Structure formats: C-alpha cells, structure tokens
Amino acid sequence: MTQDASSAPPISFIAVLQARPGMRDALCDALQALVMPTRLEPGCLDYQLFELTDVSGTFYMRESFKDELALEAHRESPHFQAFAAQADGWLVKPPELIRLTAIR
C-alpha cells in the first residue's frame, strides 16, 4: 500500500552552514533574512536558525516542510534564490544537509 501525499511524513532536515573567516556577520544576516519569508511559505512547518555555541560562525537551520513540493517551492522562492546566488562567498563549503525522520 502506498501513502498518498496527505499522509506522507513531512520533510525535515538540519542544514549546517560554516562561515568563511571574516564572513560570520554577513552569513548570519543573510540567514536571518531567510527566516521570516520562509516561515510565511504555505508548506513551511518549521524554520529555525541556530548558531553553534562553541564555534562562532557555524550555523544550523532546522527545517521542516509539508512535502517535496513545498520544499521545491522554497528552493525556487526569490528569497532563497537571492541567498543561494551569494552563498559561495560566505561559506567555507556547501551546506551539509542532514535528513531527519520524526520518531512518533
């Protein structure tokens, strides 16, 4: 038996983003600018930014979207595209995406 889209679990992950030396504030500002517009997206369930306490410039974005379509809509949104266009200048390496499965 296959699941229909309405019963599929949400898509959740943590994105780990590490700032280049001297780029911590620019990366932090850019990530903060993503939070509110993303939370307003219809398929967004959770979008929360954290900074690693002991390693300044290492950020974690906890993300959860209703389904693959919602995640794709987020990736195509103007605010995400604007971030992605500049991210290489702020990041040591591409974001690490850690996919999560909720335990219920």
PDB file of N, CA and C in Angstrom:
ATOM      1  N   MET A   1       0.849  -1.187   0.000  1.00  0.00           N
ATOM      2  CA  MET A   1       0.000   0.000   0.000  1.00  0.00           C
ATOM      3  C   MET A   1       0.888   1.243   0.000  1.00  0.00           C
ATOM      4  N   THR A   2       0.632   2.158  -0.893  1.00  0.00           N
ATOM      5  CA  THR A   2       1.417   3.386  -0.961  1.00  0.00           C
ATOM      6  C   THR A   2       0.732   4.496  -0.193  1.00  0.00           C
ATOM      7  N   GLN A   3       1.536   5.420   0.299  1.00  0.00           N
ATOM      8  CA  GLN A   3       0.993   6.571   1.016  1.00  0.00           C
ATOM      9  C   GLN A   3       0.617   7.649   0.023  1.00  0.00           C
ATOM     10  N   ASP A   4      -0.516   8.310   0.248  1.00  0.00           N
ATOM     11  CA  ASP A   4      -0.805   9.477  -0.576  1.00  0.00           C
ATOM     12  C   ASP A   4      -0.107  10.680   0.046  1.00  0.00           C
ATOM     13  N   ALA A   5      -0.048  11.763  -0.701  1.00  0.00           N
ATOM     14  CA  ALA A   5       0.709  12.941  -0.249  1.00  0.00           C
ATOM     15  C   ALA A   5       0.217  13.473   1.082  1.00  0.00           C
ATOM     16  N   SER A   6      -1.087  13.346   1.367  1.00  0.00           N
ATOM     17  CA  SER A   6      -1.627  13.900   2.613  1.00  0.00           C
ATOM     18  C   SER A   6      -1.182  13.112   3.834  1.00  0.00           C
ATOM     19  N   SER A   7      -0.792  11.834   3.667  1.00  0.00           N
ATOM     20  CA  SER A   7      -0.380  11.039   4.818  1.00  0.00           C
ATOM     21  C   SER A   7       1.141  10.858   4.880  1.00  0.00           C
ATOM     22  N   ALA A   8       1.847  11.366   3.894  1.00  0.00           N
ATOM     23  CA  ALA A   8       3.306  11.255   3.897  1.00  0.00           C
ATOM     24  C   ALA A   8       3.882  12.106   5.031  1.00  0.00           C
ATOM     25  N   PRO A   9       4.959  11.623   5.648  1.00  0.00           N
ATOM     26  CA  PRO A   9       5.570  12.426   6.717  1.00  0.00           C
ATOM     27  C   PRO A   9       6.199  13.680   6.145  1.00  0.00           C
ATOM     28  N   PRO A  10       6.324  14.714   6.958  1.00  0.00           N
ATOM     29  CA  PRO A  10       6.977  15.937   6.489  1.00  0.00           C
ATOM     30  C   PRO A  10       8.444  15.675   6.151  1.00  0.00           C
ATOM     31  N   ILE A  11       9.015  16.569   5.384  1.00  0.00           N
ATOM     32  CA  ILE A  11      10.429  16.510   5.038  1.00  0.00           C
ATOM     33  C   ILE A  11      11.162  17.421   6.010  1.00  0.00           C
ATOM     34  N   SER A  12      12.058  16.823   6.783  1.00  0.00           N
ATOM     35  CA  SER A  12      12.768  17.580   7.809  1.00  0.00           C
ATOM     36  C   SER A  12      14.259  17.337   7.693  1.00  0.00           C
ATOM     37  N   PHE A  13      15.015  18.378   7.944  1.00  0.00           N
ATOM     38  CA  PHE A  13      16.461  18.244   7.948  1.00  0.00           C
ATOM     39  C   PHE A  13      17.086  19.413   8.690  1.00  0.00           C
ATOM     40  N   ILE A  14      18.364  19.266   8.936  1.00  0.00           N
ATOM     41  CA  ILE A  14      19.165  20.340   9.500  1.00  0.00           C
ATOM     42  C   ILE A  14      20.217  20.687   8.466  1.00  0.00           C
ATOM     43  N   ALA A  15      20.308  21.953   8.124  1.00  0.00           N
ATOM     44  CA  ALA A  15      21.352  22.439   7.231  1.00  0.00           C
ATOM     45  C   ALA A  15      22.458  23.016   8.103  1.00  0.00           C
ATOM     46  N   VAL A  16      23.684  22.576   7.867  1.00  0.00           N
ATOM     47  CA  VAL A  16      24.847  23.062   8.610  1.00  0.00           C
ATOM     48  C   VAL A  16      25.633  23.971   7.667  1.00  0.00           C
ATOM     49  N   LEU A  17      25.816  25.208   8.091  1.00  0.00           N
ATOM     50  CA  LEU A  17      26.481  26.212   7.258  1.00  0.00           C
ATOM     51  C   LEU A  17      27.629  26.831   8.041  1.00  0.00           C
ATOM     52  N   GLN A  18      28.824  26.794   7.471  1.00  0.00           N
ATOM     53  CA  GLN A  18      30.008  27.318   8.158  1.00  0.00           C
ATOM     54  C   GLN A  18      30.552  28.520   7.401  1.00  0.00           C
ATOM     55  N   ALA A  19      30.670  29.633   8.110  1.00  0.00           N
ATOM     56  CA  ALA A  19      31.142  30.891   7.508  1.00  0.00           C
ATOM     57  C   ALA A  19      32.635  30.858   7.224  1.00  0.00           C
ATOM     58  N   ARG A  20      33.000  31.485   6.112  1.00  0.00           N
ATOM     59  CA  ARG A  20      34.419  31.728   5.819  1.00  0.00           C
ATOM     60  C   ARG A  20      34.969  32.680   6.893  1.00  0.00           C
ATOM     61  N   PRO A  21      36.271  32.658   7.132  1.00  0.00           N
ATOM     62  CA  PRO A  21      36.853  33.628   8.061  1.00  0.00           C
ATOM     63  C   PRO A  21      36.456  35.058   7.667  1.00  0.00           C
ATOM     64  N   GLY A  22      36.019  35.815   8.644  1.00  0.00           N
ATOM     65  CA  GLY A  22      35.620  37.192   8.426  1.00  0.00           C
ATOM     66  C   GLY A  22      34.226  37.385   7.849  1.00  0.00           C
ATOM     67  N   MET A  23      33.511  36.294   7.585  1.00  0.00           N
ATOM     68  CA  MET A  23      32.187  36.383   6.956  1.00  0.00           C
ATOM     69  C   MET A  23      31.047  35.993   7.902  1.00  0.00           C
ATOM     70  N   ARG A  24      31.336  35.797   9.172  1.00  0.00           N
ATOM     71  CA  ARG A  24      30.311  35.366  10.129  1.00  0.00           C
ATOM     72  C   ARG A  24      29.110  36.303  10.126  1.00  0.00           C
ATOM     73  N   ASP A  25      29.331  37.597  10.258  1.00  0.00           N
ATOM     74  CA  ASP A  25      28.221  38.545  10.359  1.00  0.00           C
ATOM     75  C   ASP A  25      27.412  38.607   9.066  1.00  0.00           C
ATOM     76  N   ALA A  26      28.084  38.585   7.929  1.00  0.00           N
ATOM     77  CA  ALA A  26      27.373  38.623   6.646  1.00  0.00           C
ATOM     78  C   ALA A  26      26.515  37.379   6.464  1.00  0.00           C
ATOM     79  N   LEU A  27      27.070  36.213   6.810  1.00  0.00           N
ATOM     80  CA  LEU A  27      26.297  34.976   6.690  1.00  0.00           C
ATOM     81  C   LEU A  27      25.124  34.985   7.665  1.00  0.00           C
ATOM     82  N   CYS A  28      25.359  35.412   8.884  1.00  0.00           N
ATOM     83  CA  CYS A  28      24.283  35.477   9.877  1.00  0.00           C
ATOM     84  C   CYS A  28      23.157  36.390   9.400  1.00  0.00           C
ATOM     85  N   ASP A  29      23.500  37.557   8.893  1.00  0.00           N
ATOM     86  CA  ASP A  29      22.484  38.488   8.394  1.00  0.00           C
ATOM     87  C   ASP A  29      21.690  37.874   7.244  1.00  0.00           C
ATOM     88  N   ALA A  30      22.390  37.203   6.329  1.00  0.00           N
ATOM     89  CA  ALA A  30      21.726  36.595   5.176  1.00  0.00           C
ATOM     90  C   ALA A  30      20.800  35.467   5.607  1.00  0.00           C
ATOM     91  N   LEU A  31      21.226  34.666   6.571  1.00  0.00           N
ATOM     92  CA  LEU A  31      20.377  33.578   7.070  1.00  0.00           C
ATOM     93  C   LEU A  31      19.165  34.130   7.813  1.00  0.00           C
ATOM     94  N   GLN A  32      19.382  35.161   8.621  1.00  0.00           N
ATOM     95  CA  GLN A  32      18.254  35.771   9.334  1.00  0.00           C
ATOM     96  C   GLN A  32      17.231  36.337   8.353  1.00  0.00           C
ATOM     97  N   ALA A  33      17.698  36.856   7.223  1.00  0.00           N
ATOM     98  CA  ALA A  33      16.787  37.414   6.219  1.00  0.00           C
ATOM     99  C   ALA A  33      15.925  36.332   5.567  1.00  0.00           C
ATOM    100  N   LEU A  34      16.348  35.083   5.642  1.00  0.00           N
ATOM    101  CA  LEU A  34      15.558  33.973   5.089  1.00  0.00           C
ATOM    102  C   LEU A  34      14.422  33.538   6.008  1.00  0.00           C
ATOM    103  N   VAL A  35      14.574  33.743   7.294  1.00  0.00           N
ATOM    104  CA  VAL A  35      13.670  33.131   8.271  1.00  0.00           C
ATOM    105  C   VAL A  35      12.215  33.565   8.091  1.00  0.00           C
ATOM    106  N   MET A  36      11.912  34.829   8.180  1.00  0.00           N
ATOM    107  CA  MET A  36      10.501  35.257   8.141  1.00  0.00           C
ATOM    108  C   MET A  36       9.817  34.952   6.809  1.00  0.00           C
ATOM    109  N   PRO A  37      10.425  35.260   5.653  1.00  0.00           N
ATOM    110  CA  PRO A  37       9.733  34.931   4.407  1.00  0.00           C
ATOM    111  C   PRO A  37       9.516  33.428   4.241  1.00  0.00           C
ATOM    112  N   THR A  38      10.462  32.627   4.729  1.00  0.00           N
ATOM    113  CA  THR A  38      10.293  31.179   4.616  1.00  0.00           C
ATOM    114  C   THR A  38       9.166  30.697   5.515  1.00  0.00           C
ATOM    115  N   ARG A  39       9.093  31.213   6.728  1.00  0.00           N
ATOM    116  CA  ARG A  39       8.009  30.810   7.635  1.00  0.00           C
ATOM    117  C   ARG A  39       6.634  31.143   7.068  1.00  0.00           C
ATOM    118  N   LEU A  40       6.569  32.136   6.194  1.00  0.00           N
ATOM    119  CA  LEU A  40       5.295  32.521   5.582  1.00  0.00           C
ATOM    120  C   LEU A  40       4.917  31.660   4.378  1.00  0.00           C
ATOM    121  N   GLU A  41       5.836  30.838   3.905  1.00  0.00           N
ATOM    122  CA  GLU A  41       5.529  29.947   2.784  1.00  0.00           C
ATOM    123  C   GLU A  41       4.460  28.942   3.217  1.00  0.00           C
ATOM    124  N   PRO A  42       3.471  28.651   2.355  1.00  0.00           N
ATOM    125  CA  PRO A  42       2.365  27.773   2.742  1.00  0.00           C
ATOM    126  C   PRO A  42       2.785  26.385   3.219  1.00  0.00           C
ATOM    127  N   GLY A  43       3.861  25.819   2.685  1.00  0.00           N
ATOM    128  CA  GLY A  43       4.255  24.468   3.061  1.00  0.00           C
ATOM    129  C   GLY A  43       5.298  24.384   4.148  1.00  0.00           C
ATOM    130  N   CYS A  44       5.709  25.528   4.709  1.00  0.00           N
ATOM    131  CA  CYS A  44       6.729  25.531   5.757  1.00  0.00           C
ATOM    132  C   CYS A  44       6.106  25.168   7.103  1.00  0.00           C
ATOM    133  N   LEU A  45       6.673  24.164   7.759  1.00  0.00           N
ATOM    134  CA  LEU A  45       6.215  23.754   9.088  1.00  0.00           C
ATOM    135  C   LEU A  45       7.149  24.247  10.188  1.00  0.00           C
ATOM    136  N   ASP A  46       8.440  24.400   9.868  1.00  0.00           N
ATOM    137  CA  ASP A  46       9.424  24.838  10.863  1.00  0.00           C
ATOM    138  C   ASP A  46      10.634  25.393  10.123  1.00  0.00           C
ATOM    139  N   TYR A  47      11.160  26.499  10.600  1.00  0.00           N
ATOM    140  CA  TYR A  47      12.362  27.096  10.015  1.00  0.00           C
ATOM    141  C   TYR A  47      13.005  27.918  11.112  1.00  0.00           C
ATOM    142  N   GLN A  48      14.041  27.357  11.746  1.00  0.00           N
ATOM    143  CA  GLN A  48      14.639  27.976  12.917  1.00  0.00           C
ATOM    144  C   GLN A  48      16.148  27.998  12.781  1.00  0.00           C
ATOM    145  N   LEU A  49      16.744  29.166  12.997  1.00  0.00           N
ATOM    146  CA  LEU A  49      18.185  29.357  12.878  1.00  0.00           C
ATOM    147  C   LEU A  49      18.851  29.273  14.251  1.00  0.00           C
ATOM    148  N   PHE A  50      19.990  28.572  14.284  1.00  0.00           N
ATOM    149  CA  PHE A  50      20.805  28.448  15.489  1.00  0.00           C
ATOM    150  C   PHE A  50      22.265  28.696  15.118  1.00  0.00           C
ATOM    151  N   GLU A  51      23.045  29.142  16.104  1.00  0.00           N
ATOM    152  CA  GLU A  51      24.495  29.200  15.934  1.00  0.00           C
ATOM    153  C   GLU A  51      25.120  28.299  16.988  1.00  0.00           C
ATOM    154  N   LEU A  52      26.086  27.515  16.562  1.00  0.00           N
ATOM    155  CA  LEU A  52      26.771  26.620  17.482  1.00  0.00           C
ATOM    156  C   LEU A  52      27.422  27.455  18.582  1.00  0.00           C
ATOM    157  N   THR A  53      27.111  27.152  19.817  1.00  0.00           N
ATOM    158  CA  THR A  53      27.558  27.952  20.958  1.00  0.00           C
ATOM    159  C   THR A  53      29.075  28.065  21.032  1.00  0.00           C
ATOM    160  N   ASP A  54      29.771  26.969  20.811  1.00  0.00           N
ATOM    161  CA  ASP A  54      31.223  26.954  20.992  1.00  0.00           C
ATOM    162  C   ASP A  54      32.019  27.243  19.721  1.00  0.00           C
ATOM    163  N   VAL A  55      31.326  27.404  18.582  1.00  0.00           N
ATOM    164  CA  VAL A  55      32.032  27.643  17.319  1.00  0.00           C
ATOM    165  C   VAL A  55      31.320  28.767  16.573  1.00  0.00           C
ATOM    166  N   SER A  56      31.720  29.983  16.841  1.00  0.00           N
ATOM    167  CA  SER A  56      31.125  31.139  16.177  1.00  0.00           C
ATOM    168  C   SER A  56      31.248  30.987  14.666  1.00  0.00           C
ATOM    169  N   GLY A  57      30.161  31.282  13.970  1.00  0.00           N
ATOM    170  CA  GLY A  57      30.183  31.202  12.515  1.00  0.00           C
ATOM    171  C   GLY A  57      29.717  29.872  11.959  1.00  0.00           C
ATOM    172  N   THR A  58      29.354  28.939  12.833  1.00  0.00           N
ATOM    173  CA  THR A  58      28.763  27.675  12.389  1.00  0.00           C
ATOM    174  C   THR A  58      27.280  27.725  12.737  1.00  0.00           C
ATOM    175  N   PHE A  59      26.458  27.679  11.700  1.00  0.00           N
ATOM    176  CA  PHE A  59      25.014  27.837  11.858  1.00  0.00           C
ATOM    177  C   PHE A  59      24.279  26.550  11.519  1.00  0.00           C
ATOM    178  N   TYR A  60      23.173  26.354  12.211  1.00  0.00           N
ATOM    179  CA  TYR A  60      22.283  25.226  11.957  1.00  0.00           C
ATOM    180  C   TYR A  60      20.903  25.801  11.647  1.00  0.00           C
ATOM    181  N   MET A  61      20.343  25.383  10.532  1.00  0.00           N
ATOM    182  CA  MET A  61      18.979  25.781  10.190  1.00  0.00           C
ATOM    183  C   MET A  61      18.124  24.520  10.279  1.00  0.00           C
ATOM    184  N   ARG A  62      17.206  24.492  11.238  1.00  0.00           N
ATOM    185  CA  ARG A  62      16.276  23.369  11.368  1.00  0.00           C
ATOM    186  C   ARG A  62      15.084  23.662  10.474  1.00  0.00           C
ATOM    187  N   GLU A  63      14.829  22.756   9.532  1.00  0.00           N
ATOM    188  CA  GLU A  63      13.811  22.997   8.517  1.00  0.00           C
ATOM    189  C   GLU A  63      12.848  21.822   8.428  1.00  0.00           C
ATOM    190  N   SER A  64      11.592  22.136   8.228  1.00  0.00           N
ATOM    191  CA  SER A  64      10.594  21.099   8.002  1.00  0.00           C
ATOM    192  C   SER A  64       9.543  21.653   7.051  1.00  0.00           C
ATOM    193  N   PHE A  65       9.255  20.865   6.020  1.00  0.00           N
ATOM    194  CA  PHE A  65       8.279  21.250   5.010  1.00  0.00           C
ATOM    195  C   PHE A  65       7.233  20.148   4.867  1.00  0.00           C
ATOM    196  N   LYS A  66       6.045  20.554   4.479  1.00  0.00           N
ATOM    197  CA  LYS A  66       4.905  19.644   4.373  1.00  0.00           C
ATOM    198  C   LYS A  66       5.196  18.461   3.449  1.00  0.00           C
ATOM    199  N   ASP A  67       5.855  18.706   2.325  1.00  0.00           N
ATOM    200  CA  ASP A  67       6.130  17.660   1.346  1.00  0.00           C
ATOM    201  C   ASP A  67       7.206  18.136   0.371  1.00  0.00           C
ATOM    202  N   GLU A  68       7.540  17.281  -0.582  1.00  0.00           N
ATOM    203  CA  GLU A  68       8.579  17.616  -1.567  1.00  0.00           C
ATOM    204  C   GLU A  68       8.215  18.856  -2.379  1.00  0.00           C
ATOM    205  N   LEU A  69       6.938  19.009  -2.710  1.00  0.00           N
ATOM    206  CA  LEU A  69       6.514  20.190  -3.469  1.00  0.00           C
ATOM    207  C   LEU A  69       6.765  21.475  -2.687  1.00  0.00           C
ATOM    208  N   ALA A  70       6.497  21.440  -1.392  1.00  0.00           N
ATOM    209  CA  ALA A  70       6.736  22.619  -0.549  1.00  0.00           C
ATOM    210  C   ALA A  70       8.227  22.930  -0.454  1.00  0.00           C
ATOM    211  N   LEU A  71       9.047  21.885  -0.346  1.00  0.00           N
ATOM    212  CA  LEU A  71      10.492  22.085  -0.293  1.00  0.00           C
ATOM    213  C   LEU A  71      10.999  22.668  -1.610  1.00  0.00           C
ATOM    214  N   GLU A  72      10.505  22.141  -2.720  1.00  0.00           N
ATOM    215  CA  GLU A  72      10.913  22.657  -4.023  1.00  0.00           C
ATOM    216  C   GLU A  72      10.467  24.114  -4.201  1.00  0.00           C
ATOM    217  N   ALA A  73       9.266  24.443  -3.748  1.00  0.00           N
ATOM    218  CA  ALA A  73       8.787  25.829  -3.827  1.00  0.00           C
ATOM    219  C   ALA A  73       9.696  26.750  -3.011  1.00  0.00           C
ATOM    220  N   HIS A  74      10.151  26.274  -1.854  1.00  0.00           N
ATOM    221  CA  HIS A  74      11.077  27.062  -1.039  1.00  0.00           C
ATOM    222  C   HIS A  74      12.381  27.312  -1.797  1.00  0.00           C
ATOM    223  N   ARG A  75      12.927  26.257  -2.376  1.00  0.00           N
ATOM    224  CA  ARG A  75      14.199  26.388  -3.099  1.00  0.00           C
ATOM    225  C   ARG A  75      14.081  27.305  -4.312  1.00  0.00           C
ATOM    226  N   GLU A  76      12.903  27.445  -4.865  1.00  0.00           N
ATOM    227  CA  GLU A  76      12.686  28.310  -6.023  1.00  0.00           C
ATOM    228  C   GLU A  76      12.227  29.719  -5.638  1.00  0.00           C
ATOM    229  N   SER A  77      11.990  29.958  -4.350  1.00  0.00           N
ATOM    230  CA  SER A  77      11.493  31.266  -3.911  1.00  0.00           C
ATOM    231  C   SER A  77      12.537  32.353  -4.154  1.00  0.00           C
ATOM    232  N   PRO A  78      12.087  33.582  -4.388  1.00  0.00           N
ATOM    233  CA  PRO A  78      13.042  34.683  -4.617  1.00  0.00           C
ATOM    234  C   PRO A  78      14.016  34.890  -3.461  1.00  0.00           C
ATOM    235  N   HIS A  79      13.548  34.771  -2.221  1.00  0.00           N
ATOM    236  CA  HIS A  79      14.441  34.998  -1.084  1.00  0.00           C
ATOM    237  C   HIS A  79      15.509  33.908  -0.982  1.00  0.00           C
ATOM    238  N   PHE A  80      15.147  32.651  -1.263  1.00  0.00           N
ATOM    239  CA  PHE A  80      16.152  31.594  -1.220  1.00  0.00           C
ATOM    240  C   PHE A  80      17.118  31.722  -2.393  1.00  0.00           C
ATOM    241  N   GLN A  81      16.607  32.041  -3.571  1.00  0.00           N
ATOM    242  CA  GLN A  81      17.465  32.200  -4.747  1.00  0.00           C
ATOM    243  C   GLN A  81      18.468  33.341  -4.548  1.00  0.00           C
ATOM    244  N   ALA A  82      18.034  34.421  -3.912  1.00  0.00           N
ATOM    245  CA  ALA A  82      18.944  35.539  -3.632  1.00  0.00           C
ATOM    246  C   ALA A  82      20.055  35.098  -2.681  1.00  0.00           C
ATOM    247  N   PHE A  83      19.706  34.306  -1.669  1.00  0.00           N
ATOM    248  CA  PHE A  83      20.711  33.777  -0.749  1.00  0.00           C
ATOM    249  C   PHE A  83      21.680  32.861  -1.497  1.00  0.00           C
ATOM    250  N   ALA A  84      21.140  31.923  -2.262  1.00  0.00           N
ATOM    251  CA  ALA A  84      21.963  30.934  -2.966  1.00  0.00           C
ATOM    252  C   ALA A  84      22.944  31.595  -3.938  1.00  0.00           C
ATOM    253  N   ALA A  85      22.529  32.696  -4.548  1.00  0.00           N
ATOM    254  CA  ALA A  85      23.380  33.384  -5.517  1.00  0.00           C
ATOM    255  C   ALA A  85      24.639  33.958  -4.873  1.00  0.00           C
ATOM    256  N   GLN A  86      24.600  34.215  -3.579  1.00  0.00           N
ATOM    257  CA  GLN A  86      25.743  34.825  -2.889  1.00  0.00           C
ATOM    258  C   GLN A  86      26.420  33.886  -1.897  1.00  0.00           C
ATOM    259  N   ALA A  87      25.838  32.733  -1.645  1.00  0.00           N
ATOM    260  CA  ALA A  87      26.290  31.856  -0.565  1.00  0.00           C
ATOM    261  C   ALA A  87      27.748  31.423  -0.695  1.00  0.00           C
ATOM    262  N   ASP A  88      28.227  31.172  -1.903  1.00  0.00           N
ATOM    263  CA  ASP A  88      29.611  30.717  -2.063  1.00  0.00           C
ATOM    264  C   ASP A  88      30.615  31.696  -1.459  1.00  0.00           C
ATOM    265  N   GLY A  89      30.302  32.976  -1.501  1.00  0.00           N
ATOM    266  CA  GLY A  89      31.203  33.977  -0.933  1.00  0.00           C
ATOM    267  C   GLY A  89      31.222  33.983   0.580  1.00  0.00           C
ATOM    268  N   TRP A  90      30.181  33.430   1.194  1.00  0.00           N
ATOM    269  CA  TRP A  90      30.079  33.420   2.655  1.00  0.00           C
ATOM    270  C   TRP A  90      30.507  32.099   3.281  1.00  0.00           C
ATOM    271  N   LEU A  91      30.400  31.001   2.518  1.00  0.00           N
ATOM    272  CA  LEU A  91      30.551  29.666   3.086  1.00  0.00           C
ATOM    273  C   LEU A  91      31.915  29.041   2.810  1.00  0.00           C
ATOM    274  N   VAL A  92      32.428  28.313   3.795  1.00  0.00           N
ATOM    275  CA  VAL A  92      33.661  27.554   3.646  1.00  0.00           C
ATOM    276  C   VAL A  92      33.459  26.427   2.627  1.00  0.00           C
ATOM    277  N   LYS A  93      32.291  25.797   2.668  1.00  0.00           N
ATOM    278  CA  LYS A  93      31.942  24.672   1.794  1.00  0.00           C
ATOM    279  C   LYS A  93      30.437  24.675   1.613  1.00  0.00           C
ATOM    280  N   PRO A  94      29.920  23.916   0.663  1.00  0.00           N
ATOM    281  CA  PRO A  94      28.461  23.864   0.506  1.00  0.00           C
ATOM    282  C   PRO A  94      27.790  23.392   1.800  1.00  0.00           C
ATOM    283  N   PRO A  95      26.552  23.826   2.040  1.00  0.00           N
ATOM    284  CA  PRO A  95      25.852  23.393   3.249  1.00  0.00           C
ATOM    285  C   PRO A  95      25.759  21.868   3.320  1.00  0.00           C
ATOM    286  N   GLU A  96      25.898  21.343   4.522  1.00  0.00           N
ATOM    287  CA  GLU A  96      25.674  19.924   4.761  1.00  0.00           C
ATOM    288  C   GLU A  96      24.200  19.777   5.130  1.00  0.00           C
ATOM    289  N   LEU A  97      23.485  18.910   4.426  1.00  0.00           N
ATOM    290  CA  LEU A  97      22.069  18.687   4.721  1.00  0.00           C
ATOM    291  C   LEU A  97      21.912  17.337   5.394  1.00  0.00           C
ATOM    292  N   ILE A  98      21.426  17.355   6.617  1.00  0.00           N
ATOM    293  CA  ILE A  98      21.222  16.145   7.406  1.00  0.00           C
ATOM    294  C   ILE A  98      19.728  15.860   7.428  1.00  0.00           C
ATOM    295  N   ARG A  99      19.313  14.831   6.708  1.00  0.00           N
ATOM    296  CA  ARG A  99      17.890  14.484   6.597  1.00  0.00           C
ATOM    297  C   ARG A  99      17.452  13.790   7.886  1.00  0.00           C
ATOM    298  N   LEU A 100      16.269  14.142   8.371  1.00  0.00           N
ATOM    299  CA  LEU A 100      15.743  13.619   9.636  1.00  0.00           C
ATOM    300  C   LEU A 100      14.424  12.900   9.409  1.00  0.00           C
ATOM    301  N   THR A 101      14.161  11.903  10.238  1.00  0.00           N
ATOM    302  CA  THR A 101      12.868  11.230  10.267  1.00  0.00           C
ATOM    303  C   THR A 101      12.323  11.369  11.676  1.00  0.00           C
ATOM    304  N   ALA A 102      11.115  11.922  11.785  1.00  0.00           N
ATOM    305  CA  ALA A 102      10.493  12.096  13.101  1.00  0.00           C
ATOM    306  C   ALA A 102      10.139  10.726  13.692  1.00  0.00           C
ATOM    307  N   ILE A 103      10.396  10.565  14.961  1.00  0.00           N
ATOM    308  CA  ILE A 103      10.012   9.357  15.701  1.00  0.00           C
ATOM    309  C   ILE A 103       8.751   9.709  16.484  1.00  0.00           C
ATOM    310  N   ARG A 104       7.707   8.998  16.192  1.00  0.00           N
ATOM    311  CA  ARG A 104       6.428   9.318  16.854  1.00  0.00           C
ATOM    312  C   ARG A 104       5.966   8.226  17.756  1.00  0.00           C
TER     313      ARG A 104
END
